[in-house]
PDB file of N, CA and C in Angstrom:
ATOM      1  N   MET A   1       0.399  23.695   8.899  1.00  0.00           N
ATOM      2  CA  MET A   1       1.094  23.394  10.152  1.00  0.00           C
ATOM      3  C   MET A   1       1.993  24.527  10.444  1.00  0.00           C
ATOM      4  N   THR A   2       1.920  25.079  11.753  1.00  0.00           N
ATOM      5  CA  THR A   2       2.763  26.173  12.165  1.00  0.00           C
ATOM      6  C   THR A   2       4.085  25.633  12.909  1.00  0.00           C
ATOM      7  N   LYS A   3       5.174  26.249  12.592  1.00  0.00           N
ATOM      8  CA  LYS A   3       6.372  25.926  13.292  1.00  0.00           C
ATOM      9  C   LYS A   3       6.378  26.507  14.718  1.00  0.00           C
ATOM     10  N   LEU A   4       7.031  25.837  15.641  1.00  0.00           N
ATOM     11  CA  LEU A   4       7.108  26.415  17.003  1.00  0.00           C
ATOM     12  C   LEU A   4       7.658  27.754  17.070  1.00  0.00           C
ATOM     13  N   SER A   5       8.690  28.016  16.262  1.00  0.00           N
ATOM     14  CA  SER A   5       9.397  29.258  16.275  1.00  0.00           C
ATOM     15  C   SER A   5       8.508  30.462  15.751  1.00  0.00           C
ATOM     16  N   GLU A   6       7.463  30.146  15.026  1.00  0.00           N
ATOM     17  CA  GLU A   6       6.550  31.136  14.449  1.00  0.00           C
ATOM     18  C   GLU A   6       5.407  31.379  15.298  1.00  0.00           C
ATOM     19  N   ARG A   7       5.255  30.713  16.394  1.00  0.00           N
ATOM     20  CA  ARG A   7       4.018  30.896  17.267  1.00  0.00           C
ATOM     21  C   ARG A   7       4.224  32.159  18.107  1.00  0.00           C
ATOM     22  N   LYS A   8       3.196  32.811  18.368  1.00  0.00           N
ATOM     23  CA  LYS A   8       3.327  34.077  19.234  1.00  0.00           C
ATOM     24  C   LYS A   8       2.918  33.711  20.657  1.00  0.00           C
ATOM     25  N   THR A   9       2.215  32.670  20.894  1.00  0.00           N
ATOM     26  CA  THR A   9       1.828  32.195  22.226  1.00  0.00           C
ATOM     27  C   THR A   9       2.652  31.046  22.728  1.00  0.00           C
ATOM     28  N   LYS A  10       2.772  30.924  23.974  1.00  0.00           N
ATOM     29  CA  LYS A  10       3.550  29.778  24.618  1.00  0.00           C
ATOM     30  C   LYS A  10       2.778  28.482  24.457  1.00  0.00           C
ATOM     31  N   LEU A  11       3.416  27.439  24.071  1.00  0.00           N
ATOM     32  CA  LEU A  11       2.754  26.135  23.883  1.00  0.00           C
ATOM     33  C   LEU A  11       2.979  25.318  25.112  1.00  0.00           C
ATOM     34  N   THR A  12       2.006  24.968  25.832  1.00  0.00           N
ATOM     35  CA  THR A  12       2.039  24.071  27.046  1.00  0.00           C
ATOM     36  C   THR A  12       0.914  23.100  26.940  1.00  0.00           C
ATOM     37  N   PHE A  13       1.234  21.828  27.237  1.00  0.00           N
ATOM     38  CA  PHE A  13       0.219  20.885  27.237  1.00  0.00           C
ATOM     39  C   PHE A  13       0.361  19.914  28.383  1.00  0.00           C
ATOM     40  N   VAL A  14      -0.780  19.537  28.897  1.00  0.00           N
ATOM     41  CA  VAL A  14      -0.731  18.460  30.068  1.00  0.00           C
ATOM     42  C   VAL A  14      -1.070  17.105  29.454  1.00  0.00           C
ATOM     43  N   THR A  15      -0.266  16.123  29.696  1.00  0.00           N
ATOM     44  CA  THR A  15      -0.390  14.842  29.140  1.00  0.00           C
ATOM     45  C   THR A  15      -1.305  13.952  30.107  1.00  0.00           C
ATOM     46  N   ASP A  16      -1.675  12.850  29.645  1.00  0.00           N
ATOM     47  CA  ASP A  16      -2.475  11.896  30.461  1.00  0.00           C
ATOM     48  C   ASP A  16      -1.524  11.099  31.429  1.00  0.00           C
ATOM     49  N   ALA A  17      -0.199  11.100  31.175  1.00  0.00           N
ATOM     50  CA  ALA A  17       0.691  10.439  32.029  1.00  0.00           C
ATOM     51  C   ALA A  17       0.796  11.096  33.391  1.00  0.00           C
ATOM     52  N   GLU A  18       0.914  10.215  34.386  1.00  0.00           N
ATOM     53  CA  GLU A  18       0.982  10.712  35.858  1.00  0.00           C
ATOM     54  C   GLU A  18       2.135  10.083  36.426  1.00  0.00           C
ATOM     55  N   VAL A  19       2.755  10.819  37.316  1.00  0.00           N
ATOM     56  CA  VAL A  19       3.912  10.366  38.125  1.00  0.00           C
ATOM     57  C   VAL A  19       3.627  10.664  39.588  1.00  0.00           C
ATOM     58  N   ARG A  20       4.032   9.695  40.459  1.00  0.00           N
ATOM     59  CA  ARG A  20       3.771   9.950  41.878  1.00  0.00           C
ATOM     60  C   ARG A  20       4.915  10.881  42.353  1.00  0.00           C
ATOM     61  N   HIS A  21       4.582  11.903  42.993  1.00  0.00           N
ATOM     62  CA  HIS A  21       5.597  12.937  43.581  1.00  0.00           C
ATOM     63  C   HIS A  21       5.073  13.276  44.899  1.00  0.00           C
ATOM     64  N   ARG A  22       5.961  12.959  45.975  1.00  0.00           N
ATOM     65  CA  ARG A  22       5.610  13.220  47.384  1.00  0.00           C
ATOM     66  C   ARG A  22       4.230  12.720  47.756  1.00  0.00           C
ATOM     67  N   GLY A  23       3.911  11.494  47.308  1.00  0.00           N
ATOM     68  CA  GLY A  23       2.638  10.862  47.742  1.00  0.00           C
ATOM     69  C   GLY A  23       1.434  11.262  46.933  1.00  0.00           C
ATOM     70  N   LYS A  24       1.662  12.064  45.865  1.00  0.00           N
ATOM     71  CA  LYS A  24       0.533  12.563  45.094  1.00  0.00           C
ATOM     72  C   LYS A  24       0.797  12.226  43.605  1.00  0.00           C
ATOM     73  N   MET A  25      -0.254  11.819  42.942  1.00  0.00           N
ATOM     74  CA  MET A  25      -0.119  11.571  41.480  1.00  0.00           C
ATOM     75  C   MET A  25      -0.284  12.930  40.725  1.00  0.00           C
ATOM     76  N   ARG A  26       0.758  13.311  39.950  1.00  0.00           N
ATOM     77  CA  ARG A  26       0.750  14.579  39.227  1.00  0.00           C
ATOM     78  C   ARG A  26       0.885  14.359  37.764  1.00  0.00           C
ATOM     79  N   PRO A  27       0.071  15.060  36.914  1.00  0.00           N
ATOM     80  CA  PRO A  27       0.228  14.933  35.492  1.00  0.00           C
ATOM     81  C   PRO A  27       1.551  15.584  35.005  1.00  0.00           C
ATOM     82  N   VAL A  28       2.055  15.018  33.919  1.00  0.00           N
ATOM     83  CA  VAL A  28       3.301  15.494  33.293  1.00  0.00           C
ATOM     84  C   VAL A  28       2.865  16.623  32.336  1.00  0.00           C
ATOM     85  N   VAL A  29       3.621  17.785  32.475  1.00  0.00           N
ATOM     86  CA  VAL A  29       3.428  18.968  31.642  1.00  0.00           C
ATOM     87  C   VAL A  29       4.586  19.202  30.739  1.00  0.00           C
ATOM     88  N   VAL A  30       4.331  19.391  29.427  1.00  0.00           N
ATOM     89  CA  VAL A  30       5.417  19.628  28.457  1.00  0.00           C
ATOM     90  C   VAL A  30       5.194  21.091  27.977  1.00  0.00           C
ATOM     91  N   GLU A  31       6.302  21.832  28.091  1.00  0.00           N
ATOM     92  CA  GLU A  31       6.326  23.321  27.719  1.00  0.00           C
ATOM     93  C   GLU A  31       7.341  23.430  26.533  1.00  0.00           C
ATOM     94  N   ALA A  32       6.835  23.791  25.357  1.00  0.00           N
ATOM     95  CA  ALA A  32       7.708  24.046  24.205  1.00  0.00           C
ATOM     96  C   ALA A  32       8.139  25.528  24.229  1.00  0.00           C
ATOM     97  N   HIS A  33       9.459  25.690  24.237  1.00  0.00           N
ATOM     98  CA  HIS A  33      10.045  27.071  24.290  1.00  0.00           C
ATOM     99  C   HIS A  33      10.249  27.596  22.938  1.00  0.00           C
ATOM    100  N   ASN A  34      10.780  26.876  22.062  1.00  0.00           N
ATOM    101  CA  ASN A  34      11.106  27.254  20.738  1.00  0.00           C
ATOM    102  C   ASN A  34      11.195  26.057  19.804  1.00  0.00           C
ATOM    103  N   GLY A  35      11.697  26.214  18.596  1.00  0.00           N
ATOM    104  CA  GLY A  35      11.816  25.118  17.712  1.00  0.00           C
ATOM    105  C   GLY A  35      12.925  24.170  18.017  1.00  0.00           C
ATOM    106  N   PHE A  36      13.721  24.420  19.042  1.00  0.00           N
ATOM    107  CA  PHE A  36      14.820  23.527  19.348  1.00  0.00           C
ATOM    108  C   PHE A  36      14.748  22.899  20.699  1.00  0.00           C
ATOM    109  N   THR A  37      14.117  23.555  21.693  1.00  0.00           N
ATOM    110  CA  THR A  37      14.070  22.960  23.071  1.00  0.00           C
ATOM    111  C   THR A  37      12.754  23.042  23.654  1.00  0.00           C
ATOM    112  N   ALA A  38      12.611  22.267  24.730  1.00  0.00           N
ATOM    113  CA  ALA A  38      11.366  22.183  25.540  1.00  0.00           C
ATOM    114  C   ALA A  38      11.702  21.745  26.891  1.00  0.00           C
ATOM    115  N   SER A  39      10.810  21.764  27.759  1.00  0.00           N
ATOM    116  CA  SER A  39      11.041  21.321  29.095  1.00  0.00           C
ATOM    117  C   SER A  39       9.767  20.445  29.537  1.00  0.00           C
ATOM    118  N   VAL A  40      10.064  19.536  30.549  1.00  0.00           N
ATOM    119  CA  VAL A  40       8.964  18.706  31.029  1.00  0.00           C
ATOM    120  C   VAL A  40       9.024  18.968  32.605  1.00  0.00           C
ATOM    121  N   ARG A  41       7.830  18.926  33.236  1.00  0.00           N
ATOM    122  CA  ARG A  41       7.780  19.085  34.611  1.00  0.00           C
ATOM    123  C   ARG A  41       6.476  18.434  35.093  1.00  0.00           C
ATOM    124  N   LEU A  42       6.330  18.281  36.435  1.00  0.00           N
ATOM    125  CA  LEU A  42       5.093  17.775  36.975  1.00  0.00           C
ATOM    126  C   LEU A  42       4.128  18.936  37.350  1.00  0.00           C
ATOM    127  N   GLN A  43       2.939  18.755  37.079  1.00  0.00           N
ATOM    128  CA  GLN A  43       1.964  19.878  37.406  1.00  0.00           C
ATOM    129  C   GLN A  43       1.972  20.174  38.887  1.00  0.00           C
ATOM    130  N   GLY A  44       2.090  21.472  39.185  1.00  0.00           N
ATOM    131  CA  GLY A  44       2.142  21.889  40.585  1.00  0.00           C
ATOM    132  C   GLY A  44       3.498  21.958  41.152  1.00  0.00           C
ATOM    133  N   THR A  45       4.458  21.701  40.347  1.00  0.00           N
ATOM    134  CA  THR A  45       5.905  21.885  40.757  1.00  0.00           C
ATOM    135  C   THR A  45       6.694  22.862  39.955  1.00  0.00           C
ATOM    136  N   ARG A  46       7.807  23.271  40.408  1.00  0.00           N
ATOM    137  CA  ARG A  46       8.641  24.268  39.643  1.00  0.00           C
ATOM    138  C   ARG A  46       9.837  23.602  38.966  1.00  0.00           C
ATOM    139  N   GLN A  47      10.202  22.471  39.430  1.00  0.00           N
ATOM    140  CA  GLN A  47      11.388  21.753  38.842  1.00  0.00           C
ATOM    141  C   GLN A  47      11.093  21.382  37.400  1.00  0.00           C
ATOM    142  N   ARG A  48      11.926  21.875  36.498  1.00  0.00           N
ATOM    143  CA  ARG A  48      11.823  21.617  35.125  1.00  0.00           C
ATOM    144  C   ARG A  48      13.092  20.857  34.568  1.00  0.00           C
ATOM    145  N   TYR A  49      12.784  19.925  33.614  1.00  0.00           N
ATOM    146  CA  TYR A  49      13.944  19.203  32.991  1.00  0.00           C
ATOM    147  C   TYR A  49      13.917  19.520  31.527  1.00  0.00           C
ATOM    148  N   GLU A  50      14.908  20.301  31.065  1.00  0.00           N
ATOM    149  CA  GLU A  50      14.992  20.703  29.709  1.00  0.00           C
ATOM    150  C   GLU A  50      15.477  19.592  28.817  1.00  0.00           C
ATOM    151  N   PHE A  51      15.001  19.620  27.534  1.00  0.00           N
ATOM    152  CA  PHE A  51      15.537  18.602  26.583  1.00  0.00           C
ATOM    153  C   PHE A  51      15.479  19.297  25.243  1.00  0.00           C
ATOM    154  N   SER A  52      16.235  18.782  24.173  1.00  0.00           N
ATOM    155  CA  SER A  52      16.164  19.245  22.886  1.00  0.00           C
ATOM    156  C   SER A  52      15.282  18.337  22.082  1.00  0.00           C
ATOM    157  N   TRP A  53      14.610  18.812  21.037  1.00  0.00           N
ATOM    158  CA  TRP A  53      13.763  17.914  20.184  1.00  0.00           C
ATOM    159  C   TRP A  53      14.682  17.006  19.425  1.00  0.00           C
ATOM    160  N   HIS A  54      15.872  17.416  19.088  1.00  0.00           N
ATOM    161  CA  HIS A  54      16.840  16.462  18.478  1.00  0.00           C
ATOM    162  C   HIS A  54      17.179  15.325  19.374  1.00  0.00           C
ATOM    163  N   GLY A  55      17.543  15.701  20.604  1.00  0.00           N
ATOM    164  CA  GLY A  55      17.797  14.614  21.584  1.00  0.00           C
ATOM    165  C   GLY A  55      16.648  13.702  21.818  1.00  0.00           C
ATOM    166  N   LEU A  56      15.373  14.170  21.781  1.00  0.00           N
ATOM    167  CA  LEU A  56      14.243  13.363  22.020  1.00  0.00           C
ATOM    168  C   LEU A  56      14.110  12.396  20.795  1.00  0.00           C
ATOM    169  N   HIS A  57      14.361  12.875  19.601  1.00  0.00           N
ATOM    170  CA  HIS A  57      14.252  11.988  18.499  1.00  0.00           C
ATOM    171  C   HIS A  57      15.313  10.833  18.566  1.00  0.00           C
ATOM    172  N   ASP A  58      16.522  11.242  18.931  1.00  0.00           N
ATOM    173  CA  ASP A  58      17.650  10.281  19.038  1.00  0.00           C
ATOM    174  C   ASP A  58      17.339   9.226  20.086  1.00  0.00           C
ATOM    175  N   TRP A  59      16.746   9.641  21.205  1.00  0.00           N
ATOM    176  CA  TRP A  59      16.431   8.751  22.306  1.00  0.00           C
ATOM    177  C   TRP A  59      15.319   7.758  21.753  1.00  0.00           C
ATOM    178  N   ALA A  60      14.320   8.292  21.133  1.00  0.00           N
ATOM    179  CA  ALA A  60      13.199   7.394  20.596  1.00  0.00           C
ATOM    180  C   ALA A  60      13.717   6.460  19.509  1.00  0.00           C
ATOM    181  N   ALA A  61      14.650   6.862  18.670  1.00  0.00           N
ATOM    182  CA  ALA A  61      15.217   5.985  17.655  1.00  0.00           C
ATOM    183  C   ALA A  61      15.978   4.868  18.277  1.00  0.00           C
ATOM    184  N   GLU A  62      16.713   5.280  19.305  1.00  0.00           N
ATOM    185  CA  GLU A  62      17.676   4.253  20.061  1.00  0.00           C
ATOM    186  C   GLU A  62      16.708   3.273  20.742  1.00  0.00           C
ATOM    187  N   LEU A  63      15.614   3.707  21.344  1.00  0.00           N
ATOM    188  CA  LEU A  63      14.725   2.880  22.063  1.00  0.00           C
ATOM    189  C   LEU A  63      14.012   1.863  21.084  1.00  0.00           C
ATOM    190  N   HIS A  64      13.700   2.398  19.934  1.00  0.00           N
ATOM    191  CA  HIS A  64      13.072   1.569  18.883  1.00  0.00           C
ATOM    192  C   HIS A  64      14.039   0.467  18.406  1.00  0.00           C
ATOM    193  N   ALA A  65      15.380   0.897  18.179  1.00  0.00           N
ATOM    194  CA  ALA A  65      16.284  -0.065  17.746  1.00  0.00           C
ATOM    195  C   ALA A  65      16.576  -1.184  18.744  1.00  0.00           C
ATOM    196  N   ARG A  66      16.609  -0.766  20.028  1.00  0.00           N
ATOM    197  CA  ARG A  66      16.802  -1.758  21.127  1.00  0.00           C
ATOM    198  C   ARG A  66      15.689  -2.702  21.219  1.00  0.00           C
ATOM    199  N   ARG A  67      14.457  -2.237  21.009  1.00  0.00           N
ATOM    200  CA  ARG A  67      13.243  -3.170  21.071  1.00  0.00           C
ATOM    201  C   ARG A  67      13.202  -4.105  19.924  1.00  0.00           C
ATOM    202  N   GLU A  68      13.638  -3.576  18.747  1.00  0.00           N
ATOM    203  CA  GLU A  68      13.682  -4.472  17.516  1.00  0.00           C
ATOM    204  C   GLU A  68      14.745  -5.571  17.788  1.00  0.00           C
ATOM    205  N   LYS A  69      15.904  -5.178  18.351  1.00  0.00           N
ATOM    206  CA  LYS A  69      16.962  -6.084  18.545  1.00  0.00           C
ATOM    207  C   LYS A  69      16.486  -7.229  19.532  1.00  0.00           C
ATOM    208  N   GLU A  70      15.801  -6.763  20.605  1.00  0.00           N
ATOM    209  CA  GLU A  70      15.253  -7.772  21.598  1.00  0.00           C
ATOM    210  C   GLU A  70      14.233  -8.716  20.975  1.00  0.00           C
ATOM    211  N   ARG A  71      13.351  -8.082  20.121  1.00  0.00           N
ATOM    212  CA  ARG A  71      12.371  -8.874  19.409  1.00  0.00           C
ATOM    213  C   ARG A  71      12.977 -10.001  18.516  1.00  0.00           C
ATOM    214  N   LYS A  72      13.996  -9.599  17.778  1.00  0.00           N
ATOM    215  CA  LYS A  72      14.654 -10.549  16.897  1.00  0.00           C
ATOM    216  C   LYS A  72      15.379 -11.586  17.617  1.00  0.00           C
ATOM    217  N   LYS A  73      15.996 -11.217  18.746  1.00  0.00           N
ATOM    218  CA  LYS A  73      16.729 -12.153  19.661  1.00  0.00           C
ATOM    219  C   LYS A  73      15.751 -13.184  20.146  1.00  0.00           C
ATOM    220  N   LYS A  74      14.584 -12.784  20.594  1.00  0.00           N
ATOM    221  CA  LYS A  74      13.592 -13.661  21.138  1.00  0.00           C
ATOM    222  C   LYS A  74      13.020 -14.522  20.043  1.00  0.00           C
ATOM    223  N   GLU A  75      12.840 -14.099  18.806  1.00  0.00           N
ATOM    224  CA  GLU A  75      12.452 -14.849  17.703  1.00  0.00           C
ATOM    225  C   GLU A  75      13.416 -16.005  17.378  1.00  0.00           C
ATOM    226  N   ARG A  76      14.753 -15.634  17.410  1.00  0.00           N
ATOM    227  CA  ARG A  76      15.799 -16.611  17.124  1.00  0.00           C
ATOM    228  C   ARG A  76      15.813 -17.718  18.211  1.00  0.00           C
ATOM    229  N   ALA A  77      15.606 -17.254  19.482  1.00  0.00           N
ATOM    230  CA  ALA A  77      15.630 -18.255  20.530  1.00  0.00           C
ATOM    231  C   ALA A  77      14.440 -19.221  20.399  1.00  0.00           C
ATOM    232  N   GLU A  78      13.269 -18.626  19.950  1.00  0.00           N
ATOM    233  CA  GLU A  78      12.043 -19.622  19.804  1.00  0.00           C
ATOM    234  C   GLU A  78      12.234 -20.477  18.676  1.00  0.00           C
ATOM    235  N   ARG A  79      12.945 -20.102  17.568  1.00  0.00           N
ATOM    236  CA  ARG A  79      13.175 -20.983  16.493  1.00  0.00           C
ATOM    237  C   ARG A  79      14.131 -22.109  16.841  1.00  0.00           C
ATOM    238  N   ARG A  80      15.173 -21.763  17.663  1.00  0.00           N
ATOM    239  CA  ARG A  80      16.047 -22.864  18.082  1.00  0.00           C
ATOM    240  C   ARG A  80      15.400 -23.903  18.990  1.00  0.00           C
ATOM    241  N   LYS A  81      14.424 -23.467  19.764  1.00  0.00           N
ATOM    242  CA  LYS A  81      13.782 -24.385  20.701  1.00  0.00           C
ATOM    243  C   LYS A  81      12.932 -25.371  19.853  1.00  0.00           C
ATOM    244  N   GLY A  82      12.326 -24.920  18.846  1.00  0.00           N
ATOM    245  CA  GLY A  82      11.481 -25.985  18.236  1.00  0.00           C
ATOM    246  C   GLY A  82      10.610 -25.316  17.251  1.00  0.00           C
TER     247      GLY A  82
END
C-alpha cells in the first residue's frame, strides 16, 4: 500500500453520493492533497471544503459513539416496556 505523501500523481475520486446544487444532482468529488489534508467538492463546481484526515477520523468515531449510545438507550427503553 502506498502512502498519500509518496504518490507522484494527484489522487481524486468521484463518489456515488450525489447532492442537489442549484437544481442539479452533482456527484461528490474527494481530492487528497497529501497525507494530512484533503478537500471535498461537487463535480462541476469550484467551491472546495478542506478537511484533515485526523478530523475525519474523530468525526466518524464520535458519530459511531453517538449511534451506539442511542441504540443502548432504545434497548433499555424496550426492556422497561416489557
